[in-house]
Amino acid sequence: MKSKKAPFKLPNSDGLVFFIILVLGWECAIQLGLMPGSMLPAPSSIISDILLNKLADASFWIRVVLSFVTLNGGILFALLLATPLAVVAGLSKRADSCMTPMVTIMGSLPEIAILPILVRWVGPGMAVAVLISSLCAFFPIFFAVREGVREIPVELVRVTEVFGSNRRDLLRSLVLPATFPKMVTGLRVAYDFVWEIVLAIEIFSGLAGLGHLIDISSKACDMVTAFSSVFVIALMSVLIDRLIFARLEASVRRWLD
């Protein structure tokens, strides 16, 4: 018997309608002289700059790639470090009591505050950018995976032990599949946090990414380039969120159902 496919549903358009109204209001305010265009460029100027200038500008896309590599390098490193530690903390009460308070204390520290210290230790460049990005992404991933492990019913763990499963089998067949939904949520939260940190690092250390371009453009009063960079960042964030994380979470929900 074939399963019926869920009917196609149009996404909720309320957010899109609000965004269009906001952009139109912004454009009208600039064109009517209610706001200075030199400080706040019109959306039409930003879009024209992206289409006519930035698309053909190789140096601009090199900056985009550098920011993207820093972002994803930090998240990947955090994922590889946080996941096994969170699994251990979730499975062992003793490990959890030793590890989690320290992680909580470290997570309460503002990353921007320790950025100058890390720059002093490591030096300005890609290494410190990836390091601070990893530090920022570590905590939401750790706590999300830990929560997923702790939500696994004890009875399931005992059943796998009764059938002679070793630690590797337990992780592969039970722990990792059960924690995957929480892991996706942790990655989604981390992705939003790390973008802000990456831009701050690039502004602070002069790393050649979009954050540095926004900084030098603002200082040179080239607000069109600054806002074009912000628009590209926002567009990338939305596309990654909707095309990757939203689809992953939808797949996880279908699997759980």
C-alpha atoms as a PDB file:
ATOM      1  CA  MET A   1       0.000   0.000   0.000  1.00  0.00           C
ATOM      2  CA  LYS A   2       1.482   3.302  -1.111  1.00  0.00           C
ATOM      3  CA  SER A   3       1.693   6.086   1.398  1.00  0.00           C
ATOM      4  CA  LYS A   4      -0.064   9.289   0.484  1.00  0.00           C
ATOM      5  CA  LYS A   5       2.110  12.292  -0.045  1.00  0.00           C
ATOM      6  CA  ALA A   6       1.373  15.325   2.047  1.00  0.00           C
ATOM      7  CA  PRO A   7      -0.340  18.055   0.020  1.00  0.00           C
ATOM      8  CA  PHE A   8       1.846  20.954  -1.028  1.00  0.00           C
ATOM      9  CA  LYS A   9       1.297  24.011   1.126  1.00  0.00           C
ATOM     10  CA  LEU A  10       2.342  27.538   0.387  1.00  0.00           C
ATOM     11  CA  PRO A  11       4.633  29.006   3.034  1.00  0.00           C
ATOM     12  CA  ASN A  12       3.287  31.635   5.370  1.00  0.00           C
ATOM     13  CA  SER A  13       3.635  34.914   3.480  1.00  0.00           C
ATOM     14  CA  ASP A  14       3.031  37.288   6.411  1.00  0.00           C
ATOM     15  CA  GLY A  15       6.743  37.835   6.954  1.00  0.00           C
ATOM     16  CA  LEU A  16       7.363  38.460   3.257  1.00  0.00           C
ATOM     17  CA  VAL A  17       4.511  40.974   3.029  1.00  0.00           C
ATOM     18  CA  PHE A  18       5.804  42.833   6.091  1.00  0.00           C
ATOM     19  CA  PHE A  19       9.323  42.891   4.621  1.00  0.00           C
ATOM     20  CA  ILE A  20       8.064  44.307   1.299  1.00  0.00           C
ATOM     21  CA  ILE A  21       6.063  47.011   3.110  1.00  0.00           C
ATOM     22  CA  LEU A  22       9.123  47.886   5.192  1.00  0.00           C
ATOM     23  CA  VAL A  23      11.370  48.166   2.112  1.00  0.00           C
ATOM     24  CA  LEU A  24       8.816  50.264   0.231  1.00  0.00           C
ATOM     25  CA  GLY A  25       8.433  52.577   3.217  1.00  0.00           C
ATOM     26  CA  TRP A  26      12.216  52.862   3.465  1.00  0.00           C
ATOM     27  CA  GLU A  27      12.484  53.707  -0.257  1.00  0.00           C
ATOM     28  CA  CYS A  28       9.723  56.314  -0.065  1.00  0.00           C
ATOM     29  CA  ALA A  29      11.289  57.960   2.984  1.00  0.00           C
ATOM     30  CA  ILE A  30      14.612  58.373   1.142  1.00  0.00           C
ATOM     31  CA  GLN A  31      13.053  59.580  -2.092  1.00  0.00           C
ATOM     32  CA  LEU A  32      10.904  62.126  -0.244  1.00  0.00           C
ATOM     33  CA  GLY A  33      13.917  63.417   1.682  1.00  0.00           C
ATOM     34  CA  LEU A  34      12.605  62.340   5.068  1.00  0.00           C
ATOM     35  CA  MET A  35      15.919  60.574   5.772  1.00  0.00           C
ATOM     36  CA  PRO A  36      19.378  61.461   4.450  1.00  0.00           C
ATOM     37  CA  GLY A  37      20.412  59.125   1.629  1.00  0.00           C
ATOM     38  CA  SER A  38      24.079  59.718   2.410  1.00  0.00           C
ATOM     39  CA  MET A  39      23.671  58.000   5.770  1.00  0.00           C
ATOM     40  CA  LEU A  40      20.950  55.485   4.890  1.00  0.00           C
ATOM     41  CA  PRO A  41      21.000  54.494   1.210  1.00  0.00           C
ATOM     42  CA  ALA A  42      17.758  53.662  -0.531  1.00  0.00           C
ATOM     43  CA  PRO A  43      17.039  49.959  -1.145  1.00  0.00           C
ATOM     44  CA  SER A  44      17.109  50.655  -4.898  1.00  0.00           C
ATOM     45  CA  SER A  45      20.664  52.000  -4.580  1.00  0.00           C
ATOM     46  CA  ILE A  46      21.752  48.945  -2.591  1.00  0.00           C
ATOM     47  CA  ILE A  47      20.245  46.480  -5.046  1.00  0.00           C
ATOM     48  CA  SER A  48      21.731  48.372  -8.005  1.00  0.00           C
ATOM     49  CA  ASP A  49      25.154  48.341  -6.375  1.00  0.00           C
ATOM     50  CA  ILE A  50      24.980  44.584  -5.823  1.00  0.00           C
ATOM     51  CA  LEU A  51      23.763  43.803  -9.339  1.00  0.00           C
ATOM     52  CA  LEU A  52      25.930  46.276 -11.256  1.00  0.00           C
ATOM     53  CA  ASN A  53      29.084  46.391  -9.143  1.00  0.00           C
ATOM     54  CA  LYS A  54      29.399  43.621  -6.597  1.00  0.00           C
ATOM     55  CA  LEU A  55      28.417  40.686  -8.824  1.00  0.00           C
ATOM     56  CA  ALA A  56      31.388  41.342 -11.109  1.00  0.00           C
ATOM     57  CA  ASP A  57      33.782  42.310  -8.313  1.00  0.00           C
ATOM     58  CA  ALA A  58      36.060  39.337  -7.597  1.00  0.00           C
ATOM     59  CA  SER A  59      37.538  40.969  -4.490  1.00  0.00           C
ATOM     60  CA  PHE A  60      34.075  41.300  -2.959  1.00  0.00           C
ATOM     61  CA  TRP A  61      33.324  37.595  -3.397  1.00  0.00           C
ATOM     62  CA  ILE A  62      36.731  36.680  -2.033  1.00  0.00           C
ATOM     63  CA  ARG A  63      35.700  38.500   1.124  1.00  0.00           C
ATOM     64  CA  VAL A  64      32.397  36.619   1.132  1.00  0.00           C
ATOM     65  CA  VAL A  65      34.238  33.299   0.829  1.00  0.00           C
ATOM     66  CA  LEU A  66      36.685  34.206   3.609  1.00  0.00           C
ATOM     67  CA  SER A  67      33.856  35.079   5.998  1.00  0.00           C
ATOM     68  CA  PHE A  68      32.007  31.915   5.017  1.00  0.00           C
ATOM     69  CA  VAL A  69      35.102  29.732   5.556  1.00  0.00           C
ATOM     70  CA  THR A  70      35.734  31.303   8.959  1.00  0.00           C
ATOM     71  CA  LEU A  71      32.113  30.781   9.958  1.00  0.00           C
ATOM     72  CA  ASN A  72      31.858  27.164   8.872  1.00  0.00           C
ATOM     73  CA  GLY A  73      35.354  26.262  10.039  1.00  0.00           C
ATOM     74  CA  GLY A  74      34.506  27.447  13.531  1.00  0.00           C
ATOM     75  CA  ILE A  75      31.165  25.624  13.595  1.00  0.00           C
ATOM     76  CA  LEU A  76      32.695  22.395  12.288  1.00  0.00           C
ATOM     77  CA  PHE A  77      35.475  22.480  14.883  1.00  0.00           C
ATOM     78  CA  ALA A  78      32.925  23.193  17.632  1.00  0.00           C
ATOM     79  CA  LEU A  79      30.720  20.331  16.439  1.00  0.00           C
ATOM     80  CA  LEU A  80      33.615  17.854  16.498  1.00  0.00           C
ATOM     81  CA  LEU A  81      34.613  18.974  19.995  1.00  0.00           C
ATOM     82  CA  ALA A  82      31.222  19.564  21.619  1.00  0.00           C
ATOM     83  CA  THR A  83      29.406  16.428  20.446  1.00  0.00           C
ATOM     84  CA  PRO A  84      31.563  13.767  22.150  1.00  0.00           C
ATOM     85  CA  LEU A  85      31.848  15.830  25.331  1.00  0.00           C
ATOM     86  CA  ALA A  86      28.073  16.343  25.412  1.00  0.00           C
ATOM     87  CA  VAL A  87      27.449  12.630  24.859  1.00  0.00           C
ATOM     88  CA  VAL A  88      29.750  11.755  27.755  1.00  0.00           C
ATOM     89  CA  ALA A  89      28.065  14.360  29.977  1.00  0.00           C
ATOM     90  CA  GLY A  90      24.643  13.066  29.031  1.00  0.00           C
ATOM     91  CA  LEU A  91      25.456   9.411  29.694  1.00  0.00           C
ATOM     92  CA  SER A  92      27.446   9.856  32.899  1.00  0.00           C
ATOM     93  CA  LYS A  93      26.149  11.781  35.921  1.00  0.00           C
ATOM     94  CA  ARG A  94      29.659  12.015  37.347  1.00  0.00           C
ATOM     95  CA  ALA A  95      31.076  13.444  34.122  1.00  0.00           C
ATOM     96  CA  ASP A  96      28.107  15.793  33.880  1.00  0.00           C
ATOM     97  CA  SER A  97      28.620  17.126  37.403  1.00  0.00           C
ATOM     98  CA  CYS A  98      32.301  17.762  36.651  1.00  0.00           C
ATOM     99  CA  MET A  99      31.984  19.125  33.131  1.00  0.00           C
ATOM    100  CA  THR A 100      28.733  21.043  32.821  1.00  0.00           C
ATOM    101  CA  PRO A 101      29.303  23.668  35.583  1.00  0.00           C
ATOM    102  CA  MET A 102      32.624  24.593  33.980  1.00  0.00           C
ATOM    103  CA  VAL A 103      31.044  24.780  30.526  1.00  0.00           C
ATOM    104  CA  THR A 104      28.256  26.945  31.960  1.00  0.00           C
ATOM    105  CA  ILE A 105      30.756  29.357  33.492  1.00  0.00           C
ATOM    106  CA  MET A 106      32.747  29.581  30.279  1.00  0.00           C
ATOM    107  CA  GLY A 107      29.567  30.050  28.264  1.00  0.00           C
ATOM    108  CA  SER A 108      28.572  33.032  30.398  1.00  0.00           C
ATOM    109  CA  LEU A 109      31.730  34.899  29.381  1.00  0.00           C
ATOM    110  CA  PRO A 110      31.172  37.365  26.511  1.00  0.00           C
ATOM    111  CA  GLU A 111      33.243  36.272  23.526  1.00  0.00           C
ATOM    112  CA  ILE A 112      33.898  39.872  22.503  1.00  0.00           C
ATOM    113  CA  ALA A 113      35.523  40.518  25.897  1.00  0.00           C
ATOM    114  CA  ILE A 114      38.073  37.723  25.494  1.00  0.00           C
ATOM    115  CA  LEU A 115      38.732  38.463  21.810  1.00  0.00           C
ATOM    116  CA  PRO A 116      41.622  40.905  22.541  1.00  0.00           C
ATOM    117  CA  ILE A 117      43.225  38.274  24.782  1.00  0.00           C
ATOM    118  CA  LEU A 118      43.009  35.590  22.096  1.00  0.00           C
ATOM    119  CA  VAL A 119      44.375  37.996  19.492  1.00  0.00           C
ATOM    120  CA  ARG A 120      47.299  38.668  21.834  1.00  0.00           C
ATOM    121  CA  TRP A 121      47.920  34.940  22.330  1.00  0.00           C
ATOM    122  CA  VAL A 122      47.340  33.674  18.789  1.00  0.00           C
ATOM    123  CA  GLY A 123      47.824  36.819  16.734  1.00  0.00           C
ATOM    124  CA  PRO A 124      45.408  38.492  14.309  1.00  0.00           C
ATOM    125  CA  GLY A 125      44.386  36.295  11.417  1.00  0.00           C
ATOM    126  CA  MET A 126      42.295  33.339  10.357  1.00  0.00           C
ATOM    127  CA  ALA A 127      43.395  31.153  13.292  1.00  0.00           C
ATOM    128  CA  VAL A 128      41.994  33.444  15.990  1.00  0.00           C
ATOM    129  CA  ALA A 129      38.840  33.980  13.923  1.00  0.00           C
ATOM    130  CA  VAL A 130      38.172  30.242  13.706  1.00  0.00           C
ATOM    131  CA  LEU A 131      39.078  29.799  17.372  1.00  0.00           C
ATOM    132  CA  ILE A 132      36.662  32.422  18.685  1.00  0.00           C
ATOM    133  CA  SER A 133      33.977  31.204  16.258  1.00  0.00           C
ATOM    134  CA  SER A 134      34.405  27.681  17.627  1.00  0.00           C
ATOM    135  CA  LEU A 135      34.169  28.967  21.169  1.00  0.00           C
ATOM    136  CA  CYS A 136      30.926  30.778  20.362  1.00  0.00           C
ATOM    137  CA  ALA A 137      29.398  27.770  18.576  1.00  0.00           C
ATOM    138  CA  PHE A 138      30.521  25.240  21.188  1.00  0.00           C
ATOM    139  CA  PHE A 139      27.994  26.089  23.904  1.00  0.00           C
ATOM    140  CA  PRO A 140      24.659  25.857  22.034  1.00  0.00           C
ATOM    141  CA  ILE A 141      25.809  22.618  20.397  1.00  0.00           C
ATOM    142  CA  PHE A 142      27.021  21.145  23.692  1.00  0.00           C
ATOM    143  CA  PHE A 143      23.840  21.891  25.642  1.00  0.00           C
ATOM    144  CA  ALA A 144      21.548  20.825  22.796  1.00  0.00           C
ATOM    145  CA  VAL A 145      23.274  17.442  22.339  1.00  0.00           C
ATOM    146  CA  ARG A 146      23.540  16.913  26.102  1.00  0.00           C
ATOM    147  CA  GLU A 147      19.811  17.518  26.450  1.00  0.00           C
ATOM    148  CA  GLY A 148      19.123  15.059  23.649  1.00  0.00           C
ATOM    149  CA  VAL A 149      21.187  12.360  25.337  1.00  0.00           C
ATOM    150  CA  ARG A 150      19.531  12.931  28.712  1.00  0.00           C
ATOM    151  CA  GLU A 151      16.086  12.605  27.122  1.00  0.00           C
ATOM    152  CA  ILE A 152      16.816   9.049  25.973  1.00  0.00           C
ATOM    153  CA  PRO A 153      14.706   6.704  28.154  1.00  0.00           C
ATOM    154  CA  VAL A 154      16.838   4.586  30.479  1.00  0.00           C
ATOM    155  CA  GLU A 155      14.807   1.538  29.447  1.00  0.00           C
ATOM    156  CA  LEU A 156      16.093   1.794  25.879  1.00  0.00           C
ATOM    157  CA  VAL A 157      19.680   1.874  27.090  1.00  0.00           C
ATOM    158  CA  ARG A 158      19.084  -1.192  29.258  1.00  0.00           C
ATOM    159  CA  VAL A 159      17.448  -3.046  26.361  1.00  0.00           C
ATOM    160  CA  THR A 160      20.502  -2.491  24.184  1.00  0.00           C
ATOM    161  CA  GLU A 161      22.728  -3.711  27.004  1.00  0.00           C
ATOM    162  CA  VAL A 162      20.582  -6.838  27.434  1.00  0.00           C
ATOM    163  CA  PHE A 163      21.118  -7.676  23.777  1.00  0.00           C
ATOM    164  CA  GLY A 164      24.860  -7.448  24.278  1.00  0.00           C
ATOM    165  CA  SER A 165      25.499  -4.105  22.587  1.00  0.00           C
ATOM    166  CA  ASN A 166      28.851  -2.547  23.358  1.00  0.00           C
ATOM    167  CA  ARG A 167      29.532   1.168  23.708  1.00  0.00           C
ATOM    168  CA  ARG A 168      30.131   1.621  19.994  1.00  0.00           C
ATOM    169  CA  ASP A 169      26.861  -0.086  19.092  1.00  0.00           C
ATOM    170  CA  LEU A 170      25.034   1.972  21.703  1.00  0.00           C
ATOM    171  CA  LEU A 171      26.347   5.203  20.221  1.00  0.00           C
ATOM    172  CA  ARG A 172      25.710   4.201  16.608  1.00  0.00           C
ATOM    173  CA  SER A 173      22.266   2.646  16.995  1.00  0.00           C
ATOM    174  CA  LEU A 174      20.718   4.693  19.807  1.00  0.00           C
ATOM    175  CA  VAL A 175      22.549   7.782  21.056  1.00  0.00           C
ATOM    176  CA  LEU A 176      23.476   9.488  17.780  1.00  0.00           C
ATOM    177  CA  PRO A 177      20.076   8.956  16.071  1.00  0.00           C
ATOM    178  CA  ALA A 178      18.242  10.089  19.213  1.00  0.00           C
ATOM    179  CA  THR A 179      20.333  13.246  19.598  1.00  0.00           C
ATOM    180  CA  PHE A 180      20.381  14.244  15.917  1.00  0.00           C
ATOM    181  CA  PRO A 181      17.244  16.463  16.165  1.00  0.00           C
ATOM    182  CA  LYS A 182      18.752  18.365  19.087  1.00  0.00           C
ATOM    183  CA  MET A 183      22.064  18.607  17.245  1.00  0.00           C
ATOM    184  CA  VAL A 184      20.349  20.252  14.278  1.00  0.00           C
ATOM    185  CA  THR A 185      18.687  22.755  16.622  1.00  0.00           C
ATOM    186  CA  GLY A 186      22.005  23.508  18.300  1.00  0.00           C
ATOM    187  CA  LEU A 187      23.690  24.066  14.937  1.00  0.00           C
ATOM    188  CA  ARG A 188      20.905  26.398  13.834  1.00  0.00           C
ATOM    189  CA  VAL A 189      21.250  28.503  16.979  1.00  0.00           C
ATOM    190  CA  ALA A 190      25.052  28.468  16.743  1.00  0.00           C
ATOM    191  CA  TYR A 191      24.946  29.619  13.135  1.00  0.00           C
ATOM    192  CA  ASP A 192      23.095  32.805  14.078  1.00  0.00           C
ATOM    193  CA  PHE A 193      25.461  33.556  16.967  1.00  0.00           C
ATOM    194  CA  VAL A 194      28.664  32.893  15.045  1.00  0.00           C
ATOM    195  CA  TRP A 195      27.804  35.280  12.183  1.00  0.00           C
ATOM    196  CA  GLU A 196      27.838  38.164  14.650  1.00  0.00           C
ATOM    197  CA  ILE A 197      31.132  37.050  16.163  1.00  0.00           C
ATOM    198  CA  VAL A 198      32.803  36.556  12.762  1.00  0.00           C
ATOM    199  CA  LEU A 199      31.886  40.080  11.697  1.00  0.00           C
ATOM    200  CA  ALA A 200      33.135  41.497  15.007  1.00  0.00           C
ATOM    201  CA  ILE A 201      36.437  39.611  14.644  1.00  0.00           C
ATOM    202  CA  GLU A 202      36.933  40.901  11.119  1.00  0.00           C
ATOM    203  CA  ILE A 203      36.271  44.472  12.249  1.00  0.00           C
ATOM    204  CA  PHE A 204      38.522  44.177  15.313  1.00  0.00           C
ATOM    205  CA  SER A 205      41.468  42.318  13.754  1.00  0.00           C
ATOM    206  CA  GLY A 206      41.248  43.653  10.205  1.00  0.00           C
ATOM    207  CA  LEU A 207      40.723  40.210   8.707  1.00  0.00           C
ATOM    208  CA  ALA A 208      39.772  40.582   5.047  1.00  0.00           C
ATOM    209  CA  GLY A 209      36.125  39.548   5.224  1.00  0.00           C
ATOM    210  CA  LEU A 210      32.760  41.229   4.955  1.00  0.00           C
ATOM    211  CA  GLY A 211      33.018  42.679   8.453  1.00  0.00           C
ATOM    212  CA  HIS A 212      36.249  44.477   7.528  1.00  0.00           C
ATOM    213  CA  LEU A 213      34.646  45.767   4.310  1.00  0.00           C
ATOM    214  CA  ILE A 214      31.681  47.150   6.268  1.00  0.00           C
ATOM    215  CA  ASP A 215      34.091  48.855   8.670  1.00  0.00           C
ATOM    216  CA  ILE A 216      36.307  50.535   6.063  1.00  0.00           C
ATOM    217  CA  SER A 217      33.315  51.481   3.895  1.00  0.00           C
ATOM    218  CA  SER A 218      31.569  53.164   6.832  1.00  0.00           C
ATOM    219  CA  LYS A 219      34.729  55.077   7.732  1.00  0.00           C
ATOM    220  CA  ALA A 220      35.054  56.189   4.100  1.00  0.00           C
ATOM    221  CA  CYS A 221      31.373  57.255   4.087  1.00  0.00           C
ATOM    222  CA  ASP A 222      30.657  54.678   1.359  1.00  0.00           C
ATOM    223  CA  MET A 223      27.375  53.642   2.946  1.00  0.00           C
ATOM    224  CA  VAL A 224      26.083  51.941  -0.207  1.00  0.00           C
ATOM    225  CA  THR A 225      28.908  49.381  -0.072  1.00  0.00           C
ATOM    226  CA  ALA A 226      28.437  48.946   3.675  1.00  0.00           C
ATOM    227  CA  PHE A 227      24.714  48.271   3.316  1.00  0.00           C
ATOM    228  CA  SER A 228      25.299  46.058   0.270  1.00  0.00           C
ATOM    229  CA  SER A 229      27.587  43.887   2.407  1.00  0.00           C
ATOM    230  CA  VAL A 230      24.983  43.739   5.166  1.00  0.00           C
ATOM    231  CA  PHE A 231      22.325  42.776   2.621  1.00  0.00           C
ATOM    232  CA  VAL A 232      24.487  39.946   1.248  1.00  0.00           C
ATOM    233  CA  ILE A 233      25.071  38.635   4.784  1.00  0.00           C
ATOM    234  CA  ALA A 234      21.335  38.728   5.497  1.00  0.00           C
ATOM    235  CA  LEU A 235      20.555  36.978   2.213  1.00  0.00           C
ATOM    236  CA  MET A 236      23.129  34.244   2.871  1.00  0.00           C
ATOM    237  CA  SER A 237      21.791  33.711   6.390  1.00  0.00           C
ATOM    238  CA  VAL A 238      18.201  33.385   5.199  1.00  0.00           C
ATOM    239  CA  LEU A 239      19.113  31.019   2.351  1.00  0.00           C
ATOM    240  CA  ILE A 240      21.185  28.748   4.594  1.00  0.00           C
ATOM    241  CA  ASP A 241      18.507  28.758   7.280  1.00  0.00           C
ATOM    242  CA  ARG A 242      15.667  27.942   4.873  1.00  0.00           C
ATOM    243  CA  LEU A 243      17.471  25.639   2.435  1.00  0.00           C
ATOM    244  CA  ILE A 244      19.512  23.642   4.954  1.00  0.00           C
ATOM    245  CA  PHE A 245      18.357  23.918   8.553  1.00  0.00           C
ATOM    246  CA  ALA A 246      14.628  24.219   7.891  1.00  0.00           C
ATOM    247  CA  ARG A 247      14.731  21.192   5.595  1.00  0.00           C
ATOM    248  CA  LEU A 248      16.781  19.202   8.082  1.00  0.00           C
ATOM    249  CA  GLU A 249      14.337  19.962  10.887  1.00  0.00           C
ATOM    250  CA  ALA A 250      11.388  19.113   8.637  1.00  0.00           C
ATOM    251  CA  SER A 251      13.007  15.768   7.776  1.00  0.00           C
ATOM    252  CA  VAL A 252      13.627  15.088  11.448  1.00  0.00           C
ATOM    253  CA  ARG A 253       9.988  15.852  12.308  1.00  0.00           C
ATOM    254  CA  ARG A 254       8.745  13.504   9.587  1.00  0.00           C
ATOM    255  CA  TRP A 255      11.114  10.810  10.843  1.00  0.00           C
ATOM    256  CA  LEU A 256       9.934  11.242  14.446  1.00  0.00           C
ATOM    257  CA  ASP A 257       6.292  11.118  13.372  1.00  0.00           C
END
